[in-house]
Amino acid sequence: MSDTILALYQYVMKNDLFLQYIDDPEEYQSNLTCAQAARDRLQALLNAPAKKELELFLDMKTVADSLELEAAFTSGLAVGLRLLRLV
């Protein structure tokens, strides 16, 4: 991701501009809340080594999800720019 696209991506994410493109923001927020509650419940059931493994897994999943989201943002921007050239 180029510096310009990265800056645009960070701006969009920091200012929650992506929320206007979510079909159901309430459902999105509800899912976030439920996921955090489920994570907290699961952590409460685990012993220390298992909690550490869970955190490692969640950290790796977060990185993978972030890379996927950045790629989707970049490809969406690229497609949008190509469409503008057709007009």
N, C-alpha and C. Protein backbone atom coordinates (compact mmCIF):
# COMPACT_ATOMS: atom_id res chain seq x y z
N MET A 1 0.85 -1.16 0.00
CA MET A 1 0.00 0.00 0.00
C MET A 1 0.90 1.23 0.00
N SER A 2 0.65 2.14 -0.92
CA SER A 2 1.47 3.35 -0.99
C SER A 2 1.16 4.25 0.21
N ASP A 3 2.05 5.20 0.46
CA ASP A 3 1.87 6.11 1.59
C ASP A 3 0.57 6.90 1.47
N THR A 4 0.24 7.32 0.25
CA THR A 4 -0.98 8.11 0.04
C THR A 4 -2.22 7.27 0.34
N ILE A 5 -2.26 6.07 -0.18
CA ILE A 5 -3.41 5.19 0.06
C ILE A 5 -3.49 4.81 1.53
N LEU A 6 -2.33 4.56 2.16
CA LEU A 6 -2.31 4.24 3.58
C LEU A 6 -2.86 5.40 4.41
N ALA A 7 -2.48 6.62 4.07
CA ALA A 7 -2.97 7.80 4.79
C ALA A 7 -4.49 7.91 4.63
N LEU A 8 -4.99 7.67 3.43
CA LEU A 8 -6.43 7.72 3.18
C LEU A 8 -7.15 6.63 3.98
N TYR A 9 -6.60 5.43 3.95
CA TYR A 9 -7.17 4.31 4.70
C TYR A 9 -7.22 4.62 6.20
N GLN A 10 -6.12 5.13 6.73
CA GLN A 10 -6.07 5.45 8.15
C GLN A 10 -7.08 6.54 8.51
N TYR A 11 -7.24 7.51 7.64
CA TYR A 11 -8.22 8.57 7.86
C TYR A 11 -9.64 7.99 7.91
N VAL A 12 -9.96 7.14 6.95
CA VAL A 12 -11.28 6.52 6.90
C VAL A 12 -11.54 5.71 8.16
N MET A 13 -10.57 4.93 8.59
CA MET A 13 -10.76 4.08 9.76
C MET A 13 -10.81 4.90 11.05
N LYS A 14 -9.92 5.86 11.18
CA LYS A 14 -9.86 6.68 12.40
C LYS A 14 -11.15 7.46 12.60
N ASN A 15 -11.73 7.94 11.53
CA ASN A 15 -12.93 8.76 11.60
C ASN A 15 -14.22 7.96 11.40
N ASP A 16 -14.10 6.64 11.38
CA ASP A 16 -15.26 5.76 11.23
C ASP A 16 -16.11 6.06 10.00
N LEU A 17 -15.48 6.54 8.94
CA LEU A 17 -16.21 6.85 7.72
C LEU A 17 -16.77 5.61 7.05
N PHE A 18 -16.15 4.46 7.33
CA PHE A 18 -16.61 3.21 6.74
C PHE A 18 -18.02 2.84 7.22
N LEU A 19 -18.42 3.37 8.38
CA LEU A 19 -19.72 3.00 8.94
C LEU A 19 -20.89 3.42 8.05
N GLN A 20 -20.69 4.48 7.26
CA GLN A 20 -21.78 4.91 6.39
C GLN A 20 -22.02 3.94 5.23
N TYR A 21 -21.12 3.01 5.03
CA TYR A 21 -21.27 2.02 3.96
C TYR A 21 -21.69 0.65 4.48
N ILE A 22 -21.92 0.56 5.78
CA ILE A 22 -22.43 -0.68 6.37
C ILE A 22 -23.95 -0.63 6.29
N ASP A 23 -24.54 -1.67 5.71
CA ASP A 23 -25.99 -1.68 5.51
C ASP A 23 -26.77 -1.53 6.81
N ASP A 24 -26.30 -2.18 7.87
CA ASP A 24 -27.02 -2.15 9.14
C ASP A 24 -26.03 -1.85 10.27
N PRO A 25 -25.77 -0.57 10.55
CA PRO A 25 -24.80 -0.21 11.59
C PRO A 25 -25.16 -0.77 12.97
N GLU A 26 -26.46 -0.88 13.27
CA GLU A 26 -26.87 -1.44 14.56
C GLU A 26 -26.48 -2.90 14.67
N GLU A 27 -26.66 -3.64 13.58
CA GLU A 27 -26.26 -5.05 13.58
C GLU A 27 -24.74 -5.17 13.73
N TYR A 28 -24.01 -4.30 13.05
CA TYR A 28 -22.55 -4.28 13.16
C TYR A 28 -22.13 -4.05 14.61
N GLN A 29 -22.71 -3.03 15.25
CA GLN A 29 -22.36 -2.72 16.64
C GLN A 29 -22.76 -3.85 17.57
N SER A 30 -23.92 -4.43 17.33
CA SER A 30 -24.39 -5.55 18.14
C SER A 30 -23.43 -6.74 18.05
N ASN A 31 -22.95 -7.02 16.83
CA ASN A 31 -22.01 -8.11 16.65
C ASN A 31 -20.69 -7.84 17.36
N LEU A 32 -20.22 -6.60 17.31
CA LEU A 32 -19.00 -6.26 18.03
C LEU A 32 -19.16 -6.48 19.53
N THR A 33 -20.28 -6.04 20.06
CA THR A 33 -20.55 -6.19 21.50
C THR A 33 -20.65 -7.66 21.88
N CYS A 34 -21.36 -8.45 21.09
CA CYS A 34 -21.51 -9.88 21.37
C CYS A 34 -20.17 -10.62 21.27
N ALA A 35 -19.38 -10.25 20.28
CA ALA A 35 -18.07 -10.90 20.11
C ALA A 35 -17.17 -10.62 21.30
N GLN A 36 -17.16 -9.38 21.78
CA GLN A 36 -16.34 -9.04 22.94
C GLN A 36 -16.82 -9.79 24.19
N ALA A 37 -18.13 -9.88 24.36
CA ALA A 37 -18.68 -10.60 25.51
C ALA A 37 -18.32 -12.09 25.43
N ALA A 38 -18.41 -12.67 24.24
CA ALA A 38 -18.06 -14.08 24.07
C ALA A 38 -16.57 -14.30 24.35
N ARG A 39 -15.75 -13.36 23.89
CA ARG A 39 -14.31 -13.46 24.16
C ARG A 39 -14.05 -13.41 25.66
N ASP A 40 -14.70 -12.50 26.35
CA ASP A 40 -14.52 -12.38 27.80
C ASP A 40 -14.97 -13.65 28.52
N ARG A 41 -16.11 -14.22 28.10
CA ARG A 41 -16.59 -15.46 28.72
C ARG A 41 -15.62 -16.61 28.49
N LEU A 42 -15.12 -16.71 27.26
CA LEU A 42 -14.16 -17.77 26.95
C LEU A 42 -12.88 -17.61 27.77
N GLN A 43 -12.37 -16.41 27.87
CA GLN A 43 -11.16 -16.19 28.66
C GLN A 43 -11.36 -16.56 30.12
N ALA A 44 -12.55 -16.33 30.64
CA ALA A 44 -12.84 -16.67 32.03
C ALA A 44 -12.82 -18.18 32.28
N LEU A 45 -13.05 -18.95 31.23
CA LEU A 45 -13.07 -20.41 31.35
C LEU A 45 -11.68 -21.04 31.22
N LEU A 46 -10.73 -20.29 30.68
CA LEU A 46 -9.43 -20.86 30.34
C LEU A 46 -8.40 -20.68 31.44
N ASN A 47 -7.46 -21.64 31.48
CA ASN A 47 -6.32 -21.48 32.38
C ASN A 47 -5.30 -20.56 31.71
N ALA A 48 -4.25 -20.20 32.43
CA ALA A 48 -3.29 -19.21 31.94
C ALA A 48 -2.65 -19.60 30.60
N PRO A 49 -2.13 -20.84 30.44
CA PRO A 49 -1.53 -21.19 29.14
C PRO A 49 -2.54 -21.13 27.98
N ALA A 50 -3.77 -21.55 28.23
CA ALA A 50 -4.79 -21.52 27.19
C ALA A 50 -5.16 -20.07 26.85
N LYS A 51 -5.22 -19.20 27.86
CA LYS A 51 -5.49 -17.79 27.61
C LYS A 51 -4.41 -17.18 26.73
N LYS A 52 -3.17 -17.57 27.01
CA LYS A 52 -2.04 -17.06 26.21
C LYS A 52 -2.17 -17.51 24.76
N GLU A 53 -2.53 -18.77 24.55
CA GLU A 53 -2.73 -19.29 23.19
C GLU A 53 -3.88 -18.58 22.49
N LEU A 54 -4.96 -18.33 23.23
CA LEU A 54 -6.09 -17.61 22.66
C LEU A 54 -5.67 -16.21 22.23
N GLU A 55 -4.95 -15.51 23.08
CA GLU A 55 -4.50 -14.16 22.74
C GLU A 55 -3.57 -14.17 21.53
N LEU A 56 -2.69 -15.16 21.45
CA LEU A 56 -1.81 -15.28 20.30
C LEU A 56 -2.62 -15.49 19.02
N PHE A 57 -3.59 -16.40 19.10
CA PHE A 57 -4.46 -16.65 17.95
C PHE A 57 -5.21 -15.38 17.54
N LEU A 58 -5.80 -14.70 18.51
CA LEU A 58 -6.58 -13.50 18.20
C LEU A 58 -5.70 -12.39 17.63
N ASP A 59 -4.47 -12.28 18.13
CA ASP A 59 -3.54 -11.29 17.57
C ASP A 59 -3.21 -11.60 16.12
N MET A 60 -2.93 -12.87 15.82
CA MET A 60 -2.61 -13.26 14.45
C MET A 60 -3.83 -13.06 13.54
N LYS A 61 -5.01 -13.38 14.05
CA LYS A 61 -6.25 -13.20 13.28
C LYS A 61 -6.50 -11.73 13.01
N THR A 62 -6.21 -10.88 13.97
CA THR A 62 -6.38 -9.44 13.79
C THR A 62 -5.45 -8.92 12.71
N VAL A 63 -4.22 -9.39 12.70
CA VAL A 63 -3.26 -8.97 11.66
C VAL A 63 -3.75 -9.42 10.29
N ALA A 64 -4.17 -10.69 10.19
CA ALA A 64 -4.66 -11.21 8.91
C ALA A 64 -5.89 -10.44 8.45
N ASP A 65 -6.82 -10.17 9.35
CA ASP A 65 -8.02 -9.41 9.00
C ASP A 65 -7.67 -8.00 8.55
N SER A 66 -6.71 -7.39 9.22
CA SER A 66 -6.29 -6.04 8.86
C SER A 66 -5.66 -6.01 7.46
N LEU A 67 -4.83 -6.97 7.17
CA LEU A 67 -4.21 -7.05 5.84
C LEU A 67 -5.28 -7.25 4.76
N GLU A 68 -6.26 -8.08 5.06
CA GLU A 68 -7.36 -8.32 4.11
C GLU A 68 -8.18 -7.05 3.91
N LEU A 69 -8.46 -6.34 4.99
CA LEU A 69 -9.23 -5.10 4.91
C LEU A 69 -8.48 -4.03 4.12
N GLU A 70 -7.18 -3.92 4.35
CA GLU A 70 -6.37 -2.96 3.60
C GLU A 70 -6.36 -3.30 2.11
N ALA A 71 -6.26 -4.59 1.80
CA ALA A 71 -6.27 -5.01 0.39
C ALA A 71 -7.63 -4.73 -0.25
N ALA A 72 -8.71 -4.97 0.49
CA ALA A 72 -10.04 -4.69 -0.04
C ALA A 72 -10.23 -3.19 -0.27
N PHE A 73 -9.73 -2.38 0.64
CA PHE A 73 -9.81 -0.93 0.49
C PHE A 73 -9.04 -0.48 -0.75
N THR A 74 -7.82 -0.99 -0.89
CA THR A 74 -6.99 -0.62 -2.04
C THR A 74 -7.63 -1.05 -3.35
N SER A 75 -8.17 -2.27 -3.38
CA SER A 75 -8.79 -2.74 -4.62
C SER A 75 -10.06 -1.96 -4.93
N GLY A 76 -10.84 -1.62 -3.91
CA GLY A 76 -12.04 -0.81 -4.13
C GLY A 76 -11.69 0.57 -4.68
N LEU A 77 -10.64 1.15 -4.13
CA LEU A 77 -10.19 2.45 -4.62
C LEU A 77 -9.70 2.35 -6.07
N ALA A 78 -8.95 1.29 -6.37
CA ALA A 78 -8.44 1.10 -7.72
C ALA A 78 -9.58 0.90 -8.72
N VAL A 79 -10.57 0.12 -8.36
CA VAL A 79 -11.71 -0.09 -9.25
C VAL A 79 -12.46 1.22 -9.45
N GLY A 80 -12.66 1.97 -8.37
CA GLY A 80 -13.33 3.26 -8.48
C GLY A 80 -12.60 4.22 -9.41
N LEU A 81 -11.28 4.25 -9.30
CA LEU A 81 -10.49 5.13 -10.18
C LEU A 81 -10.59 4.67 -11.63
N ARG A 82 -10.59 3.38 -11.86
CA ARG A 82 -10.74 2.87 -13.23
C ARG A 82 -12.10 3.24 -13.81
N LEU A 83 -13.12 3.13 -12.99
CA LEU A 83 -14.47 3.49 -13.46
C LEU A 83 -14.55 4.98 -13.81
N LEU A 84 -13.88 5.81 -13.03
CA LEU A 84 -13.87 7.24 -13.33
C LEU A 84 -13.23 7.53 -14.68
N ARG A 85 -12.26 6.75 -15.06
CA ARG A 85 -11.59 6.93 -16.36
C ARG A 85 -12.52 6.58 -17.51
N LEU A 86 -13.52 5.75 -17.26
CA LEU A 86 -14.46 5.35 -18.31
C LEU A 86 -15.52 6.41 -18.56
N VAL A 87 -15.70 7.30 -17.62
CA VAL A 87 -16.76 8.32 -17.73
C VAL A 87 -16.33 9.44 -18.62
